[in-house]
Amino acid sequence: MEKLEPIDDLAGVSVKIVQNEVGRETFRARVQIDETGASFTALEIIDMLAEGEPAIFTRDYHANVGHFDIAARPLLPGDTEAYEEIARVCAKENFALEPTGGIDLKNFREIIDMALAAGVPKVIPHVYSSIIDQATGETRIDDVKALYDMMKQVGKKYH
């Protein structure tokens, strides 16, 4: 998390680590923008981050009041080094890792395995629309069972 410290040196910008708002043992970087001292608004920075290379997507629910959060997310295929580094930092700080976005049956096992191999104490993967039947809107129960089986198999390697 010390890699975020230089951001605090930017005019009108401060960063702090905050816990998940519902009390889970996951943490995020909260970036606060003081528009009187910063060159850009929170909304403008969010857009620039999303358009960058690599793209960085934020939790921007409170951007209208000047802050947004950055949470650890799985990356595009082939970008495993960055995800592994995030997992190592989470493990070192004894933080849970809550990967979300783009997780499906094809990459679920790899995402969980990398986090546990790094020593992350708790992994809370979010699997969204990839297990929803688009025609009915119902959750595919067989996919849930497959994810559960993968989690048990990978978990056995580390516990």
N, C-alpha and C. Protein backbone atom coordinates (compact mmCIF):
# COMPACT_ATOMS: atom_id res chain seq x y z
N MET A 1 0.81 -1.19 0.00
CA MET A 1 0.00 0.00 0.00
C MET A 1 0.85 1.26 0.00
N GLU A 2 2.12 1.11 0.36
CA GLU A 2 2.99 2.29 0.35
C GLU A 2 3.21 2.84 -1.05
N LYS A 3 2.90 2.05 -2.08
CA LYS A 3 3.03 2.55 -3.45
C LYS A 3 2.04 3.68 -3.73
N LEU A 4 1.02 3.81 -2.89
CA LEU A 4 0.04 4.88 -3.08
C LEU A 4 0.49 6.20 -2.46
N GLU A 5 1.51 6.17 -1.62
CA GLU A 5 1.94 7.38 -0.92
C GLU A 5 2.26 8.55 -1.84
N PRO A 6 2.91 8.35 -3.00
CA PRO A 6 3.20 9.52 -3.85
C PRO A 6 1.96 10.26 -4.33
N ILE A 7 0.83 9.59 -4.38
CA ILE A 7 -0.40 10.25 -4.81
C ILE A 7 -0.77 11.35 -3.82
N ASP A 8 -0.49 11.11 -2.54
CA ASP A 8 -0.79 12.12 -1.52
C ASP A 8 -0.03 13.42 -1.74
N ASP A 9 1.06 13.38 -2.49
CA ASP A 9 1.86 14.58 -2.75
C ASP A 9 1.28 15.45 -3.86
N LEU A 10 0.28 14.95 -4.58
CA LEU A 10 -0.32 15.75 -5.65
C LEU A 10 -1.24 16.82 -5.06
N ALA A 11 -1.21 17.99 -5.64
CA ALA A 11 -2.04 19.09 -5.15
C ALA A 11 -3.53 18.72 -5.23
N GLY A 12 -4.23 18.85 -4.12
CA GLY A 12 -5.67 18.61 -4.09
C GLY A 12 -6.08 17.16 -4.07
N VAL A 13 -5.13 16.25 -3.87
CA VAL A 13 -5.42 14.82 -3.89
C VAL A 13 -4.94 14.18 -2.59
N SER A 14 -5.76 13.34 -2.00
CA SER A 14 -5.32 12.55 -0.85
C SER A 14 -5.83 11.12 -1.01
N VAL A 15 -5.09 10.20 -0.43
CA VAL A 15 -5.44 8.79 -0.52
C VAL A 15 -5.39 8.18 0.88
N LYS A 16 -6.38 7.37 1.17
CA LYS A 16 -6.35 6.61 2.41
C LYS A 16 -6.93 5.23 2.13
N ILE A 17 -6.59 4.28 2.96
CA ILE A 17 -7.10 2.92 2.84
C ILE A 17 -8.36 2.83 3.69
N VAL A 18 -9.45 2.33 3.09
CA VAL A 18 -10.72 2.20 3.79
C VAL A 18 -11.21 0.76 3.72
N GLN A 19 -11.92 0.35 4.74
CA GLN A 19 -12.50 -0.98 4.76
C GLN A 19 -13.80 -0.99 3.98
N ASN A 20 -14.13 -2.13 3.43
CA ASN A 20 -15.40 -2.33 2.75
C ASN A 20 -16.52 -1.76 3.62
N GLU A 21 -17.43 -1.02 3.00
CA GLU A 21 -18.45 -0.30 3.76
C GLU A 21 -19.45 -1.18 4.49
N VAL A 22 -19.54 -2.46 4.14
CA VAL A 22 -20.45 -3.35 4.86
C VAL A 22 -19.71 -4.20 5.89
N GLY A 23 -18.44 -3.86 6.14
CA GLY A 23 -17.70 -4.50 7.21
C GLY A 23 -16.90 -5.73 6.83
N ARG A 24 -16.89 -6.10 5.55
CA ARG A 24 -16.07 -7.24 5.13
C ARG A 24 -14.60 -6.90 5.35
N GLU A 25 -13.77 -7.93 5.44
CA GLU A 25 -12.34 -7.72 5.65
C GLU A 25 -11.63 -7.46 4.33
N THR A 26 -12.17 -6.58 3.53
CA THR A 26 -11.53 -6.17 2.29
C THR A 26 -11.32 -4.67 2.35
N PHE A 27 -10.26 -4.22 1.70
CA PHE A 27 -9.88 -2.82 1.79
C PHE A 27 -9.69 -2.24 0.40
N ARG A 28 -9.87 -0.94 0.30
CA ARG A 28 -9.75 -0.22 -0.96
C ARG A 28 -8.95 1.05 -0.73
N ALA A 29 -8.43 1.57 -1.81
CA ALA A 29 -7.80 2.88 -1.76
C ALA A 29 -8.88 3.91 -2.07
N ARG A 30 -9.10 4.85 -1.15
CA ARG A 30 -10.06 5.93 -1.39
C ARG A 30 -9.28 7.16 -1.83
N VAL A 31 -9.58 7.65 -3.01
CA VAL A 31 -8.93 8.82 -3.57
C VAL A 31 -9.88 10.00 -3.43
N GLN A 32 -9.48 10.99 -2.64
CA GLN A 32 -10.28 12.19 -2.39
C GLN A 32 -9.72 13.34 -3.22
N ILE A 33 -10.58 13.99 -3.97
CA ILE A 33 -10.17 15.10 -4.82
C ILE A 33 -10.77 16.39 -4.27
N ASP A 34 -9.90 17.33 -3.93
CA ASP A 34 -10.33 18.66 -3.52
C ASP A 34 -10.26 19.53 -4.76
N GLU A 35 -11.41 19.81 -5.34
CA GLU A 35 -11.45 20.51 -6.63
C GLU A 35 -10.87 21.92 -6.56
N THR A 36 -10.76 22.49 -5.36
CA THR A 36 -10.17 23.83 -5.26
C THR A 36 -8.66 23.77 -5.43
N GLY A 37 -8.05 22.61 -5.16
CA GLY A 37 -6.60 22.49 -5.26
C GLY A 37 -6.12 21.60 -6.39
N ALA A 38 -7.01 20.76 -6.91
CA ALA A 38 -6.63 19.81 -7.96
C ALA A 38 -6.91 20.40 -9.34
N SER A 39 -6.23 19.86 -10.33
CA SER A 39 -6.42 20.33 -11.71
C SER A 39 -7.64 19.72 -12.38
N PHE A 40 -8.15 18.62 -11.80
CA PHE A 40 -9.26 17.90 -12.40
C PHE A 40 -10.28 17.54 -11.33
N THR A 41 -11.51 17.30 -11.75
CA THR A 41 -12.54 16.80 -10.84
C THR A 41 -12.40 15.29 -10.70
N ALA A 42 -13.06 14.73 -9.70
CA ALA A 42 -13.05 13.27 -9.54
C ALA A 42 -13.60 12.59 -10.78
N LEU A 43 -14.69 13.12 -11.34
CA LEU A 43 -15.28 12.51 -12.54
C LEU A 43 -14.32 12.54 -13.72
N GLU A 44 -13.58 13.61 -13.89
CA GLU A 44 -12.61 13.70 -14.99
C GLU A 44 -11.48 12.69 -14.80
N ILE A 45 -11.01 12.53 -13.57
CA ILE A 45 -9.94 11.57 -13.30
C ILE A 45 -10.42 10.15 -13.55
N ILE A 46 -11.65 9.85 -13.14
CA ILE A 46 -12.22 8.52 -13.37
C ILE A 46 -12.25 8.21 -14.86
N ASP A 47 -12.67 9.16 -15.67
CA ASP A 47 -12.70 8.97 -17.12
C ASP A 47 -11.29 8.74 -17.67
N MET A 48 -10.32 9.51 -17.20
CA MET A 48 -8.94 9.35 -17.68
C MET A 48 -8.38 7.98 -17.31
N LEU A 49 -8.67 7.52 -16.09
CA LEU A 49 -8.19 6.21 -15.66
C LEU A 49 -8.80 5.10 -16.52
N ALA A 50 -10.08 5.21 -16.82
CA ALA A 50 -10.77 4.19 -17.62
C ALA A 50 -10.27 4.16 -19.05
N GLU A 51 -9.80 5.29 -19.55
CA GLU A 51 -9.32 5.36 -20.94
C GLU A 51 -7.82 5.09 -21.06
N GLY A 52 -7.15 4.91 -19.92
CA GLY A 52 -5.70 4.71 -19.93
C GLY A 52 -5.29 3.33 -20.39
N GLU A 53 -3.99 3.11 -20.42
CA GLU A 53 -3.43 1.81 -20.82
C GLU A 53 -2.45 1.38 -19.73
N PRO A 54 -2.79 0.44 -18.87
CA PRO A 54 -4.05 -0.32 -18.91
C PRO A 54 -5.19 0.51 -18.32
N ALA A 55 -6.39 0.14 -18.66
CA ALA A 55 -7.56 0.81 -18.12
C ALA A 55 -7.69 0.49 -16.63
N ILE A 56 -8.04 1.49 -15.85
CA ILE A 56 -8.28 1.31 -14.42
C ILE A 56 -9.72 1.71 -14.16
N PHE A 57 -10.49 0.78 -13.63
CA PHE A 57 -11.89 1.05 -13.34
C PHE A 57 -12.05 1.24 -11.85
N THR A 58 -12.87 2.20 -11.49
CA THR A 58 -13.00 2.59 -10.09
C THR A 58 -14.41 2.32 -9.58
N ARG A 59 -14.54 2.37 -8.29
CA ARG A 59 -15.86 2.38 -7.65
C ARG A 59 -16.18 3.86 -7.50
N ASP A 60 -17.04 4.34 -8.37
CA ASP A 60 -17.24 5.79 -8.48
C ASP A 60 -18.59 6.26 -7.96
N TYR A 61 -19.17 5.52 -7.02
CA TYR A 61 -20.49 5.86 -6.51
C TYR A 61 -20.54 7.26 -5.88
N HIS A 62 -19.42 7.74 -5.37
CA HIS A 62 -19.40 9.01 -4.66
C HIS A 62 -18.57 10.07 -5.39
N ALA A 63 -18.36 9.88 -6.66
CA ALA A 63 -17.55 10.82 -7.43
C ALA A 63 -18.16 12.22 -7.43
N ASN A 64 -19.47 12.28 -7.36
CA ASN A 64 -20.13 13.59 -7.37
C ASN A 64 -19.82 14.40 -6.10
N VAL A 65 -19.36 13.74 -5.05
CA VAL A 65 -18.95 14.45 -3.84
C VAL A 65 -17.43 14.45 -3.67
N GLY A 66 -16.72 14.07 -4.74
CA GLY A 66 -15.28 14.26 -4.76
C GLY A 66 -14.39 13.10 -4.41
N HIS A 67 -14.92 11.89 -4.30
CA HIS A 67 -14.00 10.77 -4.07
C HIS A 67 -14.46 9.52 -4.79
N PHE A 68 -13.49 8.63 -5.01
CA PHE A 68 -13.76 7.33 -5.61
C PHE A 68 -12.82 6.33 -4.99
N ASP A 69 -13.16 5.05 -5.13
CA ASP A 69 -12.35 3.98 -4.56
C ASP A 69 -11.76 3.14 -5.67
N ILE A 70 -10.59 2.58 -5.38
CA ILE A 70 -9.95 1.64 -6.28
C ILE A 70 -9.81 0.33 -5.52
N ALA A 71 -10.38 -0.72 -6.09
CA ALA A 71 -10.32 -2.04 -5.47
C ALA A 71 -9.53 -2.98 -6.38
N ALA A 72 -8.95 -4.01 -5.78
CA ALA A 72 -8.23 -4.99 -6.58
C ALA A 72 -9.20 -5.70 -7.50
N ARG A 73 -8.84 -5.85 -8.75
CA ARG A 73 -9.70 -6.47 -9.76
C ARG A 73 -8.87 -7.44 -10.60
N PRO A 74 -9.52 -8.50 -11.11
CA PRO A 74 -8.80 -9.35 -12.04
C PRO A 74 -8.53 -8.59 -13.33
N LEU A 75 -7.44 -8.94 -13.98
CA LEU A 75 -7.03 -8.23 -15.18
C LEU A 75 -7.30 -9.06 -16.42
N LEU A 76 -6.99 -8.50 -17.56
CA LEU A 76 -7.17 -9.19 -18.82
C LEU A 76 -6.26 -10.40 -18.89
N PRO A 77 -6.63 -11.41 -19.67
CA PRO A 77 -5.76 -12.58 -19.82
C PRO A 77 -4.35 -12.14 -20.22
N GLY A 78 -3.36 -12.75 -19.56
CA GLY A 78 -1.97 -12.39 -19.83
C GLY A 78 -1.43 -11.34 -18.88
N ASP A 79 -2.27 -10.68 -18.13
CA ASP A 79 -1.82 -9.65 -17.19
C ASP A 79 -1.69 -10.21 -15.77
N THR A 80 -1.30 -11.45 -15.68
CA THR A 80 -1.29 -12.12 -14.39
C THR A 80 -0.23 -11.56 -13.43
N GLU A 81 0.85 -11.01 -13.95
CA GLU A 81 1.90 -10.50 -13.07
C GLU A 81 1.36 -9.40 -12.16
N ALA A 82 0.58 -8.50 -12.70
CA ALA A 82 0.02 -7.40 -11.90
C ALA A 82 -0.95 -7.95 -10.85
N TYR A 83 -1.81 -8.89 -11.24
CA TYR A 83 -2.75 -9.47 -10.30
C TYR A 83 -2.01 -10.22 -9.20
N GLU A 84 -0.96 -10.95 -9.57
CA GLU A 84 -0.17 -11.66 -8.57
C GLU A 84 0.48 -10.69 -7.60
N GLU A 85 0.94 -9.55 -8.09
CA GLU A 85 1.53 -8.54 -7.21
C GLU A 85 0.48 -8.00 -6.24
N ILE A 86 -0.72 -7.74 -6.73
CA ILE A 86 -1.81 -7.29 -5.85
C ILE A 86 -2.06 -8.35 -4.78
N ALA A 87 -2.10 -9.61 -5.18
CA ALA A 87 -2.33 -10.69 -4.23
C ALA A 87 -1.20 -10.76 -3.20
N ARG A 88 0.06 -10.58 -3.63
CA ARG A 88 1.19 -10.60 -2.68
C ARG A 88 1.07 -9.47 -1.66
N VAL A 89 0.67 -8.28 -2.12
CA VAL A 89 0.50 -7.16 -1.20
C VAL A 89 -0.62 -7.44 -0.22
N CYS A 90 -1.73 -7.97 -0.71
CA CYS A 90 -2.85 -8.32 0.18
C CYS A 90 -2.40 -9.34 1.22
N ALA A 91 -1.65 -10.35 0.78
CA ALA A 91 -1.17 -11.38 1.70
C ALA A 91 -0.25 -10.77 2.75
N LYS A 92 0.68 -9.93 2.31
CA LYS A 92 1.64 -9.29 3.23
C LYS A 92 0.92 -8.46 4.29
N GLU A 93 -0.14 -7.78 3.88
CA GLU A 93 -0.89 -6.91 4.79
C GLU A 93 -2.03 -7.65 5.50
N ASN A 94 -2.15 -8.96 5.24
CA ASN A 94 -3.21 -9.80 5.80
C ASN A 94 -4.60 -9.29 5.42
N PHE A 95 -4.73 -8.81 4.18
CA PHE A 95 -6.00 -8.32 3.66
C PHE A 95 -6.67 -9.43 2.84
N ALA A 96 -7.99 -9.45 2.90
CA ALA A 96 -8.74 -10.31 2.00
C ALA A 96 -8.69 -9.70 0.60
N LEU A 97 -8.85 -10.53 -0.41
CA LEU A 97 -8.87 -10.06 -1.80
C LEU A 97 -10.24 -10.36 -2.37
N GLU A 98 -10.85 -9.36 -2.97
CA GLU A 98 -12.22 -9.48 -3.48
C GLU A 98 -12.23 -9.22 -4.99
N PRO A 99 -11.72 -10.21 -5.77
CA PRO A 99 -11.70 -9.99 -7.22
C PRO A 99 -13.11 -9.95 -7.79
N THR A 100 -13.30 -9.07 -8.75
CA THR A 100 -14.63 -8.90 -9.34
C THR A 100 -14.50 -8.35 -10.75
N GLY A 101 -15.44 -8.65 -11.57
CA GLY A 101 -15.44 -8.14 -12.94
C GLY A 101 -14.76 -9.09 -13.90
N GLY A 102 -15.51 -9.64 -14.81
CA GLY A 102 -14.93 -10.50 -15.84
C GLY A 102 -14.63 -11.92 -15.40
N ILE A 103 -15.06 -12.31 -14.22
CA ILE A 103 -14.80 -13.67 -13.74
C ILE A 103 -15.87 -14.59 -14.32
N ASP A 104 -15.40 -15.71 -14.88
CA ASP A 104 -16.33 -16.69 -15.43
C ASP A 104 -15.78 -18.09 -15.17
N LEU A 105 -16.46 -19.09 -15.70
CA LEU A 105 -16.03 -20.47 -15.46
C LEU A 105 -14.64 -20.76 -16.04
N LYS A 106 -14.23 -20.02 -17.06
CA LYS A 106 -12.94 -20.27 -17.70
C LYS A 106 -11.76 -19.76 -16.89
N ASN A 107 -11.93 -18.64 -16.16
CA ASN A 107 -10.78 -18.07 -15.46
C ASN A 107 -10.92 -18.12 -13.94
N PHE A 108 -12.01 -18.62 -13.44
CA PHE A 108 -12.27 -18.65 -11.99
C PHE A 108 -11.17 -19.38 -11.23
N ARG A 109 -10.84 -20.60 -11.67
CA ARG A 109 -9.85 -21.42 -10.96
C ARG A 109 -8.50 -20.71 -10.90
N GLU A 110 -8.08 -20.13 -12.01
CA GLU A 110 -6.78 -19.45 -12.06
C GLU A 110 -6.75 -18.24 -11.12
N ILE A 111 -7.82 -17.48 -11.09
CA ILE A 111 -7.89 -16.29 -10.24
C ILE A 111 -7.80 -16.68 -8.77
N ILE A 112 -8.54 -17.69 -8.36
CA ILE A 112 -8.52 -18.15 -6.98
C ILE A 112 -7.16 -18.75 -6.64
N ASP A 113 -6.63 -19.56 -7.54
CA ASP A 113 -5.35 -20.22 -7.31
C ASP A 113 -4.23 -19.20 -7.11
N MET A 114 -4.18 -18.17 -7.95
CA MET A 114 -3.12 -17.16 -7.81
C MET A 114 -3.20 -16.46 -6.46
N ALA A 115 -4.40 -16.12 -6.01
CA ALA A 115 -4.55 -15.42 -4.73
C ALA A 115 -4.12 -16.32 -3.58
N LEU A 116 -4.58 -17.57 -3.57
CA LEU A 116 -4.21 -18.48 -2.49
C LEU A 116 -2.73 -18.82 -2.51
N ALA A 117 -2.16 -18.97 -3.70
CA ALA A 117 -0.72 -19.25 -3.81
C ALA A 117 0.11 -18.10 -3.23
N ALA A 118 -0.40 -16.88 -3.34
CA ALA A 118 0.31 -15.72 -2.80
C ALA A 118 0.17 -15.63 -1.28
N GLY A 119 -0.77 -16.39 -0.72
CA GLY A 119 -0.97 -16.36 0.72
C GLY A 119 -2.10 -15.46 1.20
N VAL A 120 -2.98 -15.05 0.29
CA VAL A 120 -4.12 -14.21 0.68
C VAL A 120 -4.97 -15.01 1.67
N PRO A 121 -5.30 -14.41 2.83
CA PRO A 121 -6.02 -15.16 3.86
C PRO A 121 -7.49 -15.46 3.53
N LYS A 122 -8.10 -14.62 2.70
CA LYS A 122 -9.51 -14.84 2.34
C LYS A 122 -9.73 -14.29 0.94
N VAL A 123 -10.33 -15.11 0.08
CA VAL A 123 -10.63 -14.69 -1.29
C VAL A 123 -12.16 -14.70 -1.44
N ILE A 124 -12.69 -13.56 -1.89
CA ILE A 124 -14.14 -13.42 -2.03
C ILE A 124 -14.43 -13.07 -3.49
N PRO A 125 -14.46 -14.08 -4.36
CA PRO A 125 -14.67 -13.78 -5.78
C PRO A 125 -16.12 -13.42 -6.08
N HIS A 126 -16.29 -12.45 -6.94
CA HIS A 126 -17.62 -12.04 -7.37
C HIS A 126 -17.84 -12.52 -8.80
N VAL A 127 -18.79 -13.40 -8.97
CA VAL A 127 -19.15 -13.90 -10.29
C VAL A 127 -20.55 -13.39 -10.58
N TYR A 128 -20.64 -12.53 -11.57
CA TYR A 128 -21.90 -11.86 -11.83
C TYR A 128 -22.64 -12.51 -13.00
N SER A 129 -22.80 -11.78 -14.06
CA SER A 129 -23.66 -12.18 -15.17
C SER A 129 -23.17 -13.39 -15.94
N SER A 130 -21.92 -13.81 -15.73
CA SER A 130 -21.42 -14.95 -16.49
C SER A 130 -22.13 -16.25 -16.13
N ILE A 131 -22.84 -16.29 -15.01
CA ILE A 131 -23.56 -17.52 -14.65
C ILE A 131 -25.08 -17.31 -14.70
N ILE A 132 -25.51 -16.26 -15.39
CA ILE A 132 -26.94 -15.98 -15.55
C ILE A 132 -27.35 -16.37 -16.98
N ASP A 133 -28.41 -17.12 -17.08
CA ASP A 133 -28.96 -17.46 -18.38
C ASP A 133 -29.59 -16.21 -18.97
N GLN A 134 -29.06 -15.73 -20.09
CA GLN A 134 -29.52 -14.48 -20.67
C GLN A 134 -30.97 -14.54 -21.15
N ALA A 135 -31.43 -15.71 -21.52
CA ALA A 135 -32.81 -15.84 -22.02
C ALA A 135 -33.83 -15.79 -20.89
N THR A 136 -33.50 -16.40 -19.74
CA THR A 136 -34.47 -16.48 -18.65
C THR A 136 -34.19 -15.51 -17.51
N GLY A 137 -32.94 -15.06 -17.40
CA GLY A 137 -32.56 -14.22 -16.27
C GLY A 137 -32.29 -15.01 -15.00
N GLU A 138 -32.34 -16.32 -15.10
CA GLU A 138 -32.13 -17.20 -13.94
C GLU A 138 -30.66 -17.58 -13.81
N THR A 139 -30.25 -17.80 -12.57
CA THR A 139 -28.89 -18.28 -12.31
C THR A 139 -28.80 -19.74 -12.75
N ARG A 140 -27.72 -20.07 -13.47
CA ARG A 140 -27.51 -21.46 -13.90
C ARG A 140 -26.93 -22.24 -12.72
N ILE A 141 -27.74 -23.09 -12.13
CA ILE A 141 -27.36 -23.84 -10.93
C ILE A 141 -26.16 -24.73 -11.19
N ASP A 142 -26.07 -25.33 -12.37
CA ASP A 142 -24.91 -26.18 -12.69
C ASP A 142 -23.62 -25.37 -12.69
N ASP A 143 -23.68 -24.11 -13.09
CA ASP A 143 -22.49 -23.25 -13.05
C ASP A 143 -22.09 -22.96 -11.61
N VAL A 144 -23.08 -22.72 -10.75
CA VAL A 144 -22.79 -22.48 -9.34
C VAL A 144 -22.12 -23.71 -8.73
N LYS A 145 -22.64 -24.88 -9.05
CA LYS A 145 -22.04 -26.12 -8.55
C LYS A 145 -20.61 -26.28 -9.06
N ALA A 146 -20.38 -25.95 -10.33
CA ALA A 146 -19.03 -26.05 -10.89
C ALA A 146 -18.07 -25.09 -10.18
N LEU A 147 -18.52 -23.87 -9.92
CA LEU A 147 -17.69 -22.90 -9.21
C LEU A 147 -17.37 -23.38 -7.79
N TYR A 148 -18.37 -23.92 -7.14
CA TYR A 148 -18.19 -24.45 -5.79
C TYR A 148 -17.16 -25.59 -5.79
N ASP A 149 -17.29 -26.50 -6.75
CA ASP A 149 -16.33 -27.61 -6.85
C ASP A 149 -14.92 -27.10 -7.12
N MET A 150 -14.78 -26.10 -7.99
CA MET A 150 -13.46 -25.52 -8.25
C MET A 150 -12.87 -24.91 -6.99
N MET A 151 -13.69 -24.20 -6.23
CA MET A 151 -13.23 -23.57 -5.01
C MET A 151 -12.74 -24.61 -4.01
N LYS A 152 -13.48 -25.71 -3.88
CA LYS A 152 -13.07 -26.78 -2.96
C LYS A 152 -11.75 -27.40 -3.42
N GLN A 153 -11.62 -27.66 -4.73
CA GLN A 153 -10.40 -28.28 -5.25
C GLN A 153 -9.18 -27.39 -5.04
N VAL A 154 -9.31 -26.13 -5.37
CA VAL A 154 -8.19 -25.21 -5.22
C VAL A 154 -7.88 -25.01 -3.73
N GLY A 155 -8.92 -24.86 -2.93
CA GLY A 155 -8.72 -24.66 -1.49
C GLY A 155 -7.98 -25.80 -0.83
N LYS A 156 -8.20 -27.02 -1.27
CA LYS A 156 -7.52 -28.18 -0.71
C LYS A 156 -6.00 -28.10 -0.89
N LYS A 157 -5.57 -27.46 -1.95
CA LYS A 157 -4.13 -27.32 -2.21
C LYS A 157 -3.43 -26.48 -1.13
N TYR A 158 -4.17 -25.56 -0.51
CA TYR A 158 -3.56 -24.58 0.38
C TYR A 158 -3.98 -24.70 1.84
N HIS A 159 -4.97 -25.54 2.13
CA HIS A 159 -5.42 -25.66 3.52
C HIS A 159 -5.50 -27.11 3.93
